[in-house]
C-alpha atoms as a PDB file:
ATOM      1  CA  UNK A   1       0.000   0.000   0.000  1.00  0.00           C
ATOM      2  CA  UNK A   2       1.317   3.425  -0.952  1.00  0.00           C
ATOM      3  CA  UNK A   3       0.669   6.679   0.843  1.00  0.00           C
ATOM      4  CA  UNK A   4       1.153   9.787  -1.294  1.00  0.00           C
ATOM      5  CA  UNK A   5       3.961  12.177  -0.488  1.00  0.00           C
ATOM      6  CA  UNK A   6       3.373  15.308   1.544  1.00  0.00           C
ATOM      7  CA  UNK A   7       4.530  17.794  -1.079  1.00  0.00           C
ATOM      8  CA  UNK A   8       1.949  19.106  -3.498  1.00  0.00           C
ATOM      9  CA  UNK A   9       2.732  20.313  -6.983  1.00  0.00           C
ATOM     10  CA  UNK A  10       1.985  23.711  -8.377  1.00  0.00           C
ATOM     11  CA  UNK A  11       1.838  25.311  -4.932  1.00  0.00           C
ATOM     12  CA  UNK A  12       4.381  27.260  -2.966  1.00  0.00           C
ATOM     13  CA  UNK A  13       5.546  24.927  -0.258  1.00  0.00           C
ATOM     14  CA  UNK A  14       5.944  25.782   3.405  1.00  0.00           C
ATOM     15  CA  UNK A  15       9.431  26.150   4.836  1.00  0.00           C
ATOM     16  CA  UNK A  16      10.872  23.085   6.588  1.00  0.00           C
ATOM     17  CA  UNK A  17      13.991  22.373   8.669  1.00  0.00           C
ATOM     18  CA  UNK A  18      15.714  20.804   5.663  1.00  0.00           C
ATOM     19  CA  UNK A  19      15.663  24.203   3.949  1.00  0.00           C
ATOM     20  CA  UNK A  20      18.155  25.493   6.506  1.00  0.00           C
ATOM     21  CA  UNK A  21      20.987  23.271   5.295  1.00  0.00           C
ATOM     22  CA  UNK A  22      23.700  24.932   3.232  1.00  0.00           C
ATOM     23  CA  UNK A  23      26.569  23.352   1.293  1.00  0.00           C
ATOM     24  CA  UNK A  24      29.820  24.980   0.190  1.00  0.00           C
ATOM     25  CA  UNK A  25      32.381  23.262  -2.050  1.00  0.00           C
ATOM     26  CA  UNK A  26      35.754  23.835  -0.398  1.00  0.00           C
ATOM     27  CA  UNK A  27      37.859  21.598  -2.645  1.00  0.00           C
ATOM     28  CA  UNK A  28      37.528  19.885  -6.000  1.00  0.00           C
ATOM     29  CA  UNK A  29      39.940  17.576  -7.811  1.00  0.00           C
ATOM     30  CA  UNK A  30      39.748  15.687 -11.082  1.00  0.00           C
ATOM     31  CA  UNK A  31      41.884  12.610 -11.761  1.00  0.00           C
ATOM     32  CA  UNK A  32      42.059  11.464 -15.348  1.00  0.00           C
ATOM     33  CA  UNK A  33      42.288   7.686 -15.611  1.00  0.00           C
ATOM     34  CA  UNK A  34      40.595   7.177 -12.261  1.00  0.00           C
ATOM     35  CA  UNK A  35      41.773   7.418  -8.669  1.00  0.00           C
ATOM     36  CA  UNK A  36      42.559   4.328  -6.589  1.00  0.00           C
ATOM     37  CA  UNK A  37      39.966   3.106  -4.113  1.00  0.00           C
ATOM     38  CA  UNK A  38      40.946   3.088  -0.450  1.00  0.00           C
ATOM     39  CA  UNK A  39      38.859   0.256   0.970  1.00  0.00           C
ATOM     40  CA  UNK A  40      41.389  -1.008   3.483  1.00  0.00           C
ATOM     41  CA  UNK A  41      43.770  -3.983   3.252  1.00  0.00           C
ATOM     42  CA  UNK A  42      43.066  -6.505   0.506  1.00  0.00           C
ATOM     43  CA  UNK A  43      44.450  -9.465   2.468  1.00  0.00           C
ATOM     44  CA  UNK A  44      43.327 -10.930   5.784  1.00  0.00           C
ATOM     45  CA  UNK A  45      39.965 -10.790   7.565  1.00  0.00           C
ATOM     46  CA  UNK A  46      37.647  -7.930   6.596  1.00  0.00           C
ATOM     47  CA  UNK A  47      35.537  -6.434   9.385  1.00  0.00           C
ATOM     48  CA  UNK A  48      31.795  -6.637   8.702  1.00  0.00           C
ATOM     49  CA  UNK A  49      30.296  -5.310  11.934  1.00  0.00           C
ATOM     50  CA  UNK A  50      31.229  -4.448  15.506  1.00  0.00           C
ATOM     51  CA  UNK A  51      28.761  -4.715  18.384  1.00  0.00           C
ATOM     52  CA  UNK A  52      28.314  -2.435  21.381  1.00  0.00           C
ATOM     53  CA  UNK A  53      29.628  -5.128  23.734  1.00  0.00           C
ATOM     54  CA  UNK A  54      32.945  -5.442  21.907  1.00  0.00           C
ATOM     55  CA  UNK A  55      32.382  -8.331  19.499  1.00  0.00           C
ATOM     56  CA  UNK A  56      33.904  -8.078  16.024  1.00  0.00           C
ATOM     57  CA  UNK A  57      32.490 -10.062  13.115  1.00  0.00           C
ATOM     58  CA  UNK A  58      34.783 -10.420  10.114  1.00  0.00           C
ATOM     59  CA  UNK A  59      34.886 -12.234   6.776  1.00  0.00           C
ATOM     60  CA  UNK A  60      37.890 -14.395   5.929  1.00  0.00           C
ATOM     61  CA  UNK A  61      37.508 -16.173   2.608  1.00  0.00           C
ATOM     62  CA  UNK A  62      34.277 -18.155   2.967  1.00  0.00           C
ATOM     63  CA  UNK A  63      34.202 -17.993   6.751  1.00  0.00           C
ATOM     64  CA  UNK A  64      32.554 -15.656   9.215  1.00  0.00           C
ATOM     65  CA  UNK A  65      34.712 -15.139  12.317  1.00  0.00           C
ATOM     66  CA  UNK A  66      33.553 -13.668  15.623  1.00  0.00           C
ATOM     67  CA  UNK A  67      36.186 -12.393  18.049  1.00  0.00           C
ATOM     68  CA  UNK A  68      35.756 -10.992  21.550  1.00  0.00           C
ATOM     69  CA  UNK A  69      37.186  -7.795  23.071  1.00  0.00           C
ATOM     70  CA  UNK A  70      40.319  -9.770  23.954  1.00  0.00           C
ATOM     71  CA  UNK A  71      40.948 -10.591  20.289  1.00  0.00           C
ATOM     72  CA  UNK A  72      40.285 -14.310  20.725  1.00  0.00           C
ATOM     73  CA  UNK A  73      38.061 -16.107  18.245  1.00  0.00           C
ATOM     74  CA  UNK A  74      34.709 -17.034  19.800  1.00  0.00           C
ATOM     75  CA  UNK A  75      33.427 -19.018  16.826  1.00  0.00           C
ATOM     76  CA  UNK A  76      33.607 -19.425  13.068  1.00  0.00           C
ATOM     77  CA  UNK A  77      30.937 -20.315  10.546  1.00  0.00           C
ATOM     78  CA  UNK A  78      31.672 -21.675   7.064  1.00  0.00           C
ATOM     79  CA  UNK A  79      29.601 -20.209   4.200  1.00  0.00           C
ATOM     80  CA  UNK A  80      29.022 -21.578   0.700  1.00  0.00           C
ATOM     81  CA  UNK A  81      30.323 -18.299  -0.733  1.00  0.00           C
ATOM     82  CA  UNK A  82      32.132 -15.179   0.480  1.00  0.00           C
ATOM     83  CA  UNK A  83      30.342 -13.158   3.193  1.00  0.00           C
ATOM     84  CA  UNK A  84      29.602  -9.661   1.881  1.00  0.00           C
ATOM     85  CA  UNK A  85      28.018  -7.678   4.725  1.00  0.00           C
ATOM     86  CA  UNK A  86      26.537  -8.342   8.148  1.00  0.00           C
ATOM     87  CA  UNK A  87      24.189  -6.799  10.717  1.00  0.00           C
ATOM     88  CA  UNK A  88      23.854  -7.574  14.433  1.00  0.00           C
ATOM     89  CA  UNK A  89      20.878  -7.183  16.771  1.00  0.00           C
ATOM     90  CA  UNK A  90      19.562  -8.797  19.936  1.00  0.00           C
ATOM     91  CA  UNK A  91      21.792 -11.867  19.968  1.00  0.00           C
ATOM     92  CA  UNK A  92      21.343 -12.494  16.242  1.00  0.00           C
ATOM     93  CA  UNK A  93      23.615 -11.937  13.249  1.00  0.00           C
ATOM     94  CA  UNK A  94      22.439 -11.612   9.655  1.00  0.00           C
ATOM     95  CA  UNK A  95      25.109 -12.287   7.020  1.00  0.00           C
ATOM     96  CA  UNK A  96      24.564 -11.556   3.315  1.00  0.00           C
ATOM     97  CA  UNK A  97      26.746 -13.737   1.112  1.00  0.00           C
ATOM     98  CA  UNK A  98      27.802 -14.053  -2.514  1.00  0.00           C
ATOM     99  CA  UNK A  99      27.554 -17.247  -4.521  1.00  0.00           C
ATOM    100  CA  UNK A 100      30.714 -18.733  -6.067  1.00  0.00           C
ATOM    101  CA  UNK A 101      28.639 -19.720  -9.113  1.00  0.00           C
ATOM    102  CA  UNK A 102      26.767 -17.487 -11.546  1.00  0.00           C
ATOM    103  CA  UNK A 103      22.987 -18.041 -11.741  1.00  0.00           C
ATOM    104  CA  UNK A 104      19.858 -16.071 -12.757  1.00  0.00           C
ATOM    105  CA  UNK A 105      20.365 -13.759  -9.750  1.00  0.00           C
ATOM    106  CA  UNK A 106      24.011 -13.186 -10.619  1.00  0.00           C
ATOM    107  CA  UNK A 107      26.322 -14.011  -7.737  1.00  0.00           C
ATOM    108  CA  UNK A 108      23.724 -13.475  -5.017  1.00  0.00           C
ATOM    109  CA  UNK A 109      24.074 -16.030  -2.231  1.00  0.00           C
ATOM    110  CA  UNK A 110      21.800 -16.797   0.718  1.00  0.00           C
ATOM    111  CA  UNK A 111      21.384 -14.484   3.699  1.00  0.00           C
ATOM    112  CA  UNK A 112      22.279 -16.448   6.815  1.00  0.00           C
ATOM    113  CA  UNK A 113      20.651 -15.764  10.185  1.00  0.00           C
ATOM    114  CA  UNK A 114      23.050 -16.916  12.918  1.00  0.00           C
ATOM    115  CA  UNK A 115      23.117 -17.028  16.696  1.00  0.00           C
ATOM    116  CA  UNK A 116      25.574 -14.258  17.592  1.00  0.00           C
ATOM    117  CA  UNK A 117      26.722 -16.045  20.723  1.00  0.00           C
ATOM    118  CA  UNK A 118      27.560 -19.411  19.135  1.00  0.00           C
ATOM    119  CA  UNK A 119      27.559 -18.997  15.355  1.00  0.00           C
ATOM    120  CA  UNK A 120      24.883 -21.677  15.000  1.00  0.00           C
ATOM    121  CA  UNK A 121      22.557 -21.402  11.996  1.00  0.00           C
ATOM    122  CA  UNK A 122      19.024 -20.196  12.769  1.00  0.00           C
ATOM    123  CA  UNK A 123      17.535 -19.717   9.281  1.00  0.00           C
ATOM    124  CA  UNK A 124      18.485 -19.255   5.632  1.00  0.00           C
ATOM    125  CA  UNK A 125      16.830 -16.239   3.992  1.00  0.00           C
ATOM    126  CA  UNK A 126      16.986 -14.366   0.679  1.00  0.00           C
ATOM    127  CA  UNK A 127      18.053 -10.784   0.092  1.00  0.00           C
ATOM    128  CA  UNK A 128      20.779  -8.553  -1.317  1.00  0.00           C
ATOM    129  CA  UNK A 129      20.993  -5.834   1.339  1.00  0.00           C
ATOM    130  CA  UNK A 130      19.521  -5.345   4.792  1.00  0.00           C
ATOM    131  CA  UNK A 131      19.514  -3.450   8.054  1.00  0.00           C
ATOM    132  CA  UNK A 132      19.378  -4.286  11.748  1.00  0.00           C
ATOM    133  CA  UNK A 133      16.332  -3.382  13.816  1.00  0.00           C
ATOM    134  CA  UNK A 134      15.801  -3.753  17.558  1.00  0.00           C
ATOM    135  CA  UNK A 135      15.156  -7.082  19.275  1.00  0.00           C
ATOM    136  CA  UNK A 136      16.934  -9.401  16.870  1.00  0.00           C
ATOM    137  CA  UNK A 137      14.850  -8.266  13.901  1.00  0.00           C
ATOM    138  CA  UNK A 138      16.187  -7.423  10.466  1.00  0.00           C
ATOM    139  CA  UNK A 139      15.181  -5.982   7.127  1.00  0.00           C
ATOM    140  CA  UNK A 140      16.147  -7.760   3.920  1.00  0.00           C
ATOM    141  CA  UNK A 141      15.548  -6.451   0.433  1.00  0.00           C
ATOM    142  CA  UNK A 142      15.944  -7.562  -3.158  1.00  0.00           C
ATOM    143  CA  UNK A 143      15.256  -6.130  -6.636  1.00  0.00           C
ATOM    144  CA  UNK A 144      15.036  -7.693 -10.096  1.00  0.00           C
ATOM    145  CA  UNK A 145      12.801 -10.082 -12.090  1.00  0.00           C
ATOM    146  CA  UNK A 146       9.625  -8.251 -10.974  1.00  0.00           C
ATOM    147  CA  UNK A 147      10.909  -8.267  -7.381  1.00  0.00           C
ATOM    148  CA  UNK A 148      11.236  -4.891  -5.667  1.00  0.00           C
ATOM    149  CA  UNK A 149      10.584  -5.852  -2.073  1.00  0.00           C
ATOM    150  CA  UNK A 150      11.671  -5.519   1.530  1.00  0.00           C
ATOM    151  CA  UNK A 151      10.891  -8.099   4.211  1.00  0.00           C
ATOM    152  CA  UNK A 152      11.128  -7.870   7.988  1.00  0.00           C
ATOM    153  CA  UNK A 153      12.212 -11.057   9.730  1.00  0.00           C
ATOM    154  CA  UNK A 154      12.030 -11.876  13.422  1.00  0.00           C
ATOM    155  CA  UNK A 155      14.717 -13.491  15.620  1.00  0.00           C
ATOM    156  CA  UNK A 156      13.709 -16.952  14.410  1.00  0.00           C
ATOM    157  CA  UNK A 157      13.682 -15.898  10.754  1.00  0.00           C
ATOM    158  CA  UNK A 158       9.888 -15.766  10.499  1.00  0.00           C
ATOM    159  CA  UNK A 159       8.407 -13.191   8.119  1.00  0.00           C
ATOM    160  CA  UNK A 160       6.722 -10.359  10.060  1.00  0.00           C
ATOM    161  CA  UNK A 161       5.993  -7.685   7.435  1.00  0.00           C
ATOM    162  CA  UNK A 162       6.691  -6.837   3.791  1.00  0.00           C
ATOM    163  CA  UNK A 163       6.810  -3.725   1.600  1.00  0.00           C
ATOM    164  CA  UNK A 164       7.010  -2.938  -2.102  1.00  0.00           C
ATOM    165  CA  UNK A 165      10.257  -0.969  -1.881  1.00  0.00           C
ATOM    166  CA  UNK A 166      13.992  -1.618  -1.996  1.00  0.00           C
ATOM    167  CA  UNK A 167      17.175   0.368  -1.596  1.00  0.00           C
ATOM    168  CA  UNK A 168      19.468   1.781   1.076  1.00  0.00           C
ATOM    169  CA  UNK A 169      17.851   1.424   4.513  1.00  0.00           C
ATOM    170  CA  UNK A 170      18.187   4.036   7.255  1.00  0.00           C
ATOM    171  CA  UNK A 171      16.836   2.685  10.543  1.00  0.00           C
ATOM    172  CA  UNK A 172      16.151   5.304  13.204  1.00  0.00           C
ATOM    173  CA  UNK A 173      14.785   5.407  16.744  1.00  0.00           C
ATOM    174  CA  UNK A 174      11.476   3.766  17.555  1.00  0.00           C
ATOM    175  CA  UNK A 175      11.519   1.501  14.529  1.00  0.00           C
ATOM    176  CA  UNK A 176      11.475   4.361  12.005  1.00  0.00           C
ATOM    177  CA  UNK A 177      12.808   3.185   8.637  1.00  0.00           C
ATOM    178  CA  UNK A 178      13.470   5.326   5.585  1.00  0.00           C
ATOM    179  CA  UNK A 179      14.584   3.911   2.251  1.00  0.00           C
ATOM    180  CA  UNK A 180      16.574   5.674  -0.439  1.00  0.00           C
ATOM    181  CA  UNK A 181      15.252   3.542  -3.259  1.00  0.00           C
ATOM    182  CA  UNK A 182      17.268   2.207  -6.158  1.00  0.00           C
ATOM    183  CA  UNK A 183      16.780  -0.204  -9.063  1.00  0.00           C
ATOM    184  CA  UNK A 184      13.041   0.413  -9.219  1.00  0.00           C
ATOM    185  CA  UNK A 185      10.714  -1.280 -11.755  1.00  0.00           C
ATOM    186  CA  UNK A 186      10.290   0.549 -15.092  1.00  0.00           C
ATOM    187  CA  UNK A 187       6.724   1.603 -14.238  1.00  0.00           C
ATOM    188  CA  UNK A 188       7.667   3.759 -11.243  1.00  0.00           C
ATOM    189  CA  UNK A 189      10.456   6.168 -10.256  1.00  0.00           C
ATOM    190  CA  UNK A 190      12.774   5.753  -7.304  1.00  0.00           C
ATOM    191  CA  UNK A 191      11.935   7.843  -4.251  1.00  0.00           C
ATOM    192  CA  UNK A 192      12.944   8.403  -0.675  1.00  0.00           C
ATOM    193  CA  UNK A 193      10.188   6.678   1.307  1.00  0.00           C
ATOM    194  CA  UNK A 194       9.232   5.569   4.815  1.00  0.00           C
ATOM    195  CA  UNK A 195       8.162   2.027   5.687  1.00  0.00           C
ATOM    196  CA  UNK A 196       5.049   1.937   7.878  1.00  0.00           C
ATOM    197  CA  UNK A 197       3.406  -1.073   9.555  1.00  0.00           C
ATOM    198  CA  UNK A 198       1.229  -3.369   7.506  1.00  0.00           C
ATOM    199  CA  UNK A 199       3.187  -3.042   4.279  1.00  0.00           C
ATOM    200  CA  UNK A 200       2.383   0.656   3.830  1.00  0.00           C
ATOM    201  CA  UNK A 201       4.938   2.841   2.023  1.00  0.00           C
ATOM    202  CA  UNK A 202       4.850   6.612   2.602  1.00  0.00           C
ATOM    203  CA  UNK A 203       6.168   8.294  -0.523  1.00  0.00           C
ATOM    204  CA  UNK A 204       8.685  11.117  -0.379  1.00  0.00           C
ATOM    205  CA  UNK A 205      10.591  13.018  -3.078  1.00  0.00           C
ATOM    206  CA  UNK A 206      11.213  11.465  -6.480  1.00  0.00           C
ATOM    207  CA  UNK A 207      14.849  10.768  -7.354  1.00  0.00           C
ATOM    208  CA  UNK A 208      16.255  11.610 -10.769  1.00  0.00           C
ATOM    209  CA  UNK A 209      18.512   8.539 -10.776  1.00  0.00           C
ATOM    210  CA  UNK A 210      17.978   4.874 -10.016  1.00  0.00           C
ATOM    211  CA  UNK A 211      21.498   3.895  -8.925  1.00  0.00           C
ATOM    212  CA  UNK A 212      22.138   6.258  -6.024  1.00  0.00           C
ATOM    213  CA  UNK A 213      24.899   5.330  -3.552  1.00  0.00           C
ATOM    214  CA  UNK A 214      24.291   4.901   0.160  1.00  0.00           C
ATOM    215  CA  UNK A 215      23.265   8.227   1.745  1.00  0.00           C
ATOM    216  CA  UNK A 216      25.112  10.041   4.511  1.00  0.00           C
ATOM    217  CA  UNK A 217      23.135  10.534   7.733  1.00  0.00           C
ATOM    218  CA  UNK A 218      23.607  13.842   9.560  1.00  0.00           C
ATOM    219  CA  UNK A 219      23.310  14.084  13.375  1.00  0.00           C
ATOM    220  CA  UNK A 220      19.768  15.492  13.164  1.00  0.00           C
ATOM    221  CA  UNK A 221      18.664  12.574  10.985  1.00  0.00           C
ATOM    222  CA  UNK A 222      18.780  14.484   7.704  1.00  0.00           C
ATOM    223  CA  UNK A 223      19.852  12.316   4.783  1.00  0.00           C
ATOM    224  CA  UNK A 224      22.328  13.612   2.221  1.00  0.00           C
ATOM    225  CA  UNK A 225      21.673  11.887  -1.096  1.00  0.00           C
ATOM    226  CA  UNK A 226      23.848  11.963  -4.203  1.00  0.00           C
ATOM    227  CA  UNK A 227      21.187  11.886  -6.910  1.00  0.00           C
ATOM    228  CA  UNK A 228      22.444  11.881 -10.516  1.00  0.00           C
ATOM    229  CA  UNK A 229      25.306  14.232  -9.636  1.00  0.00           C
ATOM    230  CA  UNK A 230      23.265  16.543  -7.379  1.00  0.00           C
ATOM    231  CA  UNK A 231      23.563  16.630  -3.589  1.00  0.00           C
ATOM    232  CA  UNK A 232      20.120  16.684  -1.954  1.00  0.00           C
ATOM    233  CA  UNK A 233      19.038  16.788   1.694  1.00  0.00           C
ATOM    234  CA  UNK A 234      15.950  14.881   2.880  1.00  0.00           C
ATOM    235  CA  UNK A 235      14.665  15.401   6.432  1.00  0.00           C
ATOM    236  CA  UNK A 236      12.677  13.140   8.735  1.00  0.00           C
ATOM    237  CA  UNK A 237       9.380  14.357   7.308  1.00  0.00           C
ATOM    238  CA  UNK A 238      10.500  13.399   3.768  1.00  0.00           C
ATOM    239  CA  UNK A 239      10.847  16.989   2.619  1.00  0.00           C
ATOM    240  CA  UNK A 240      13.888  17.689   0.471  1.00  0.00           C
ATOM    241  CA  UNK A 241      16.092  20.540  -0.695  1.00  0.00           C
ATOM    242  CA  UNK A 242      18.917  20.772  -3.240  1.00  0.00           C
ATOM    243  CA  UNK A 243      22.343  21.405  -1.683  1.00  0.00           C
ATOM    244  CA  UNK A 244      24.790  21.496  -4.606  1.00  0.00           C
ATOM    245  CA  UNK A 245      24.829  20.663  -8.314  1.00  0.00           C
ATOM    246  CA  UNK A 246      28.185  18.919  -8.568  1.00  0.00           C
ATOM    247  CA  UNK A 247      28.085  16.954 -11.832  1.00  0.00           C
ATOM    248  CA  UNK A 248      24.537  16.601 -13.166  1.00  0.00           C
ATOM    249  CA  UNK A 249      24.297  13.478 -15.316  1.00  0.00           C
ATOM    250  CA  UNK A 250      23.092  13.778 -18.920  1.00  0.00           C
ATOM    251  CA  UNK A 251      19.731  12.131 -19.529  1.00  0.00           C
ATOM    252  CA  UNK A 252      20.028   8.474 -20.490  1.00  0.00           C
ATOM    253  CA  UNK A 253      23.679   8.194 -19.441  1.00  0.00           C
ATOM    254  CA  UNK A 254      23.348   6.987 -15.857  1.00  0.00           C
ATOM    255  CA  UNK A 255      25.414   3.901 -16.757  1.00  0.00           C
ATOM    256  CA  UNK A 256      28.483   6.110 -17.089  1.00  0.00           C
ATOM    257  CA  UNK A 257      28.532   7.279 -13.449  1.00  0.00           C
ATOM    258  CA  UNK A 258      29.191   5.695 -10.051  1.00  0.00           C
ATOM    259  CA  UNK A 259      29.233   7.686  -6.811  1.00  0.00           C
ATOM    260  CA  UNK A 260      30.115   7.456  -3.152  1.00  0.00           C
ATOM    261  CA  UNK A 261      29.676   9.674  -0.084  1.00  0.00           C
ATOM    262  CA  UNK A 262      31.806   9.805   3.077  1.00  0.00           C
ATOM    263  CA  UNK A 263      30.790  11.969   6.052  1.00  0.00           C
ATOM    264  CA  UNK A 264      33.479  13.379   8.342  1.00  0.00           C
ATOM    265  CA  UNK A 265      32.133  15.791  10.939  1.00  0.00           C
ATOM    266  CA  UNK A 266      30.623  18.806   9.174  1.00  0.00           C
ATOM    267  CA  UNK A 267      32.217  17.903   5.861  1.00  0.00           C
ATOM    268  CA  UNK A 268      31.248  15.350   3.289  1.00  0.00           C
ATOM    269  CA  UNK A 269      33.499  13.780   0.692  1.00  0.00           C
ATOM    270  CA  UNK A 270      31.926  13.093  -2.686  1.00  0.00           C
ATOM    271  CA  UNK A 271      33.390  10.818  -5.337  1.00  0.00           C
ATOM    272  CA  UNK A 272      31.935  10.332  -8.831  1.00  0.00           C
ATOM    273  CA  UNK A 273      33.607   7.993 -11.317  1.00  0.00           C
ATOM    274  CA  UNK A 274      32.725   8.901 -14.914  1.00  0.00           C
ATOM    275  CA  UNK A 275      33.215   6.399 -17.733  1.00  0.00           C
ATOM    276  CA  UNK A 276      34.143   7.742 -21.155  1.00  0.00           C
ATOM    277  CA  UNK A 277      31.370   7.795 -23.742  1.00  0.00           C
ATOM    278  CA  UNK A 278      33.429   6.222 -26.521  1.00  0.00           C
ATOM    279  CA  UNK A 279      36.077   4.241 -24.638  1.00  0.00           C
ATOM    280  CA  UNK A 280      34.242   2.471 -21.817  1.00  0.00           C
ATOM    281  CA  UNK A 281      37.517   1.311 -20.301  1.00  0.00           C
ATOM    282  CA  UNK A 282      38.586   4.929 -19.754  1.00  0.00           C
ATOM    283  CA  UNK A 283      37.325   6.949 -16.817  1.00  0.00           C
ATOM    284  CA  UNK A 284      37.736  10.170 -14.893  1.00  0.00           C
ATOM    285  CA  UNK A 285      37.329  10.488 -11.129  1.00  0.00           C
ATOM    286  CA  UNK A 286      35.797  13.676  -9.722  1.00  0.00           C
ATOM    287  CA  UNK A 287      36.385  14.411  -6.032  1.00  0.00           C
ATOM    288  CA  UNK A 288      34.783  17.125  -3.888  1.00  0.00           C
ATOM    289  CA  UNK A 289      34.982  18.164  -0.261  1.00  0.00           C
ATOM    290  CA  UNK A 290      31.759  19.894   0.739  1.00  0.00           C
ATOM    291  CA  UNK A 291      31.228  21.827   3.984  1.00  0.00           C
ATOM    292  CA  UNK A 292      27.743  21.607   5.522  1.00  0.00           C
ATOM    293  CA  UNK A 293      26.055  24.022   7.903  1.00  0.00           C
ATOM    294  CA  UNK A 294      22.545  24.744   9.100  1.00  0.00           C
ATOM    295  CA  UNK A 295      21.331  28.328   9.453  1.00  0.00           C
ATOM    296  CA  UNK A 296      18.861  27.384  12.175  1.00  0.00           C
ATOM    297  CA  UNK A 297      15.837  28.914  10.517  1.00  0.00           C
ATOM    298  CA  UNK A 298      12.881  26.531  10.623  1.00  0.00           C
ATOM    299  CA  UNK A 299       9.908  28.879  10.486  1.00  0.00           C
ATOM    300  CA  UNK A 300       6.975  27.822   8.349  1.00  0.00           C
END
């Protein structure tokens, strides 16, 4: 079930807190041929998640390893394919994996629900990306082949709710979940939405692109979204405002661009990799440092 967005068209909109955000580009660099990615060491275990009580869950080849605050391994769990990402909540661990073999869903492997204390298998689920909720509950989502869905699973893996939406999940206090959608079906645009109980989706602003990177989350809960080369802010009420037009993408050429955001205090790093039109092996990397501030004006 869809709920319409709160912003009407053809009317002057009221002022909202998101309108107080300002962005200033303080540095820009362009690297022809592409800049190297700094994703940490290529060899050895790769940290997937750390818990508040000092546990570290890492991927090492096709194994998931859990170590305690003392650095000693508590348990290991062998997977059929490489673990990709993980989420922890309420004594449970959800691990998304890749498949070593190519199949109709590409290299997507099962999502494994494990006991965080022992590493024992609880359930095998399906999904590409997810998020941790309170009480050992998780979101899992998947898109493709007429699937554009998010499911909420309980601590035993049972299905508790489902929504027609998929993308980057931002879980907030009190069970609030916003989604920066991506890879939507051809009959509907991507949006920033909120998931409500009973499968209801509250619609927010439409996105120009369908392959947006993960958003940055500011301390007040505002999302910073890199949408087709434009930085946009979306607040908790799903109202949005443009922050900076960095590298607007030409219509129909979304395939040429990949982006990433990295928040550091009151500054945000933006990276856009642009493939050449003619030589698809050639690329240019665009890098910005953007300062963010809020002017404090929230009057309607």
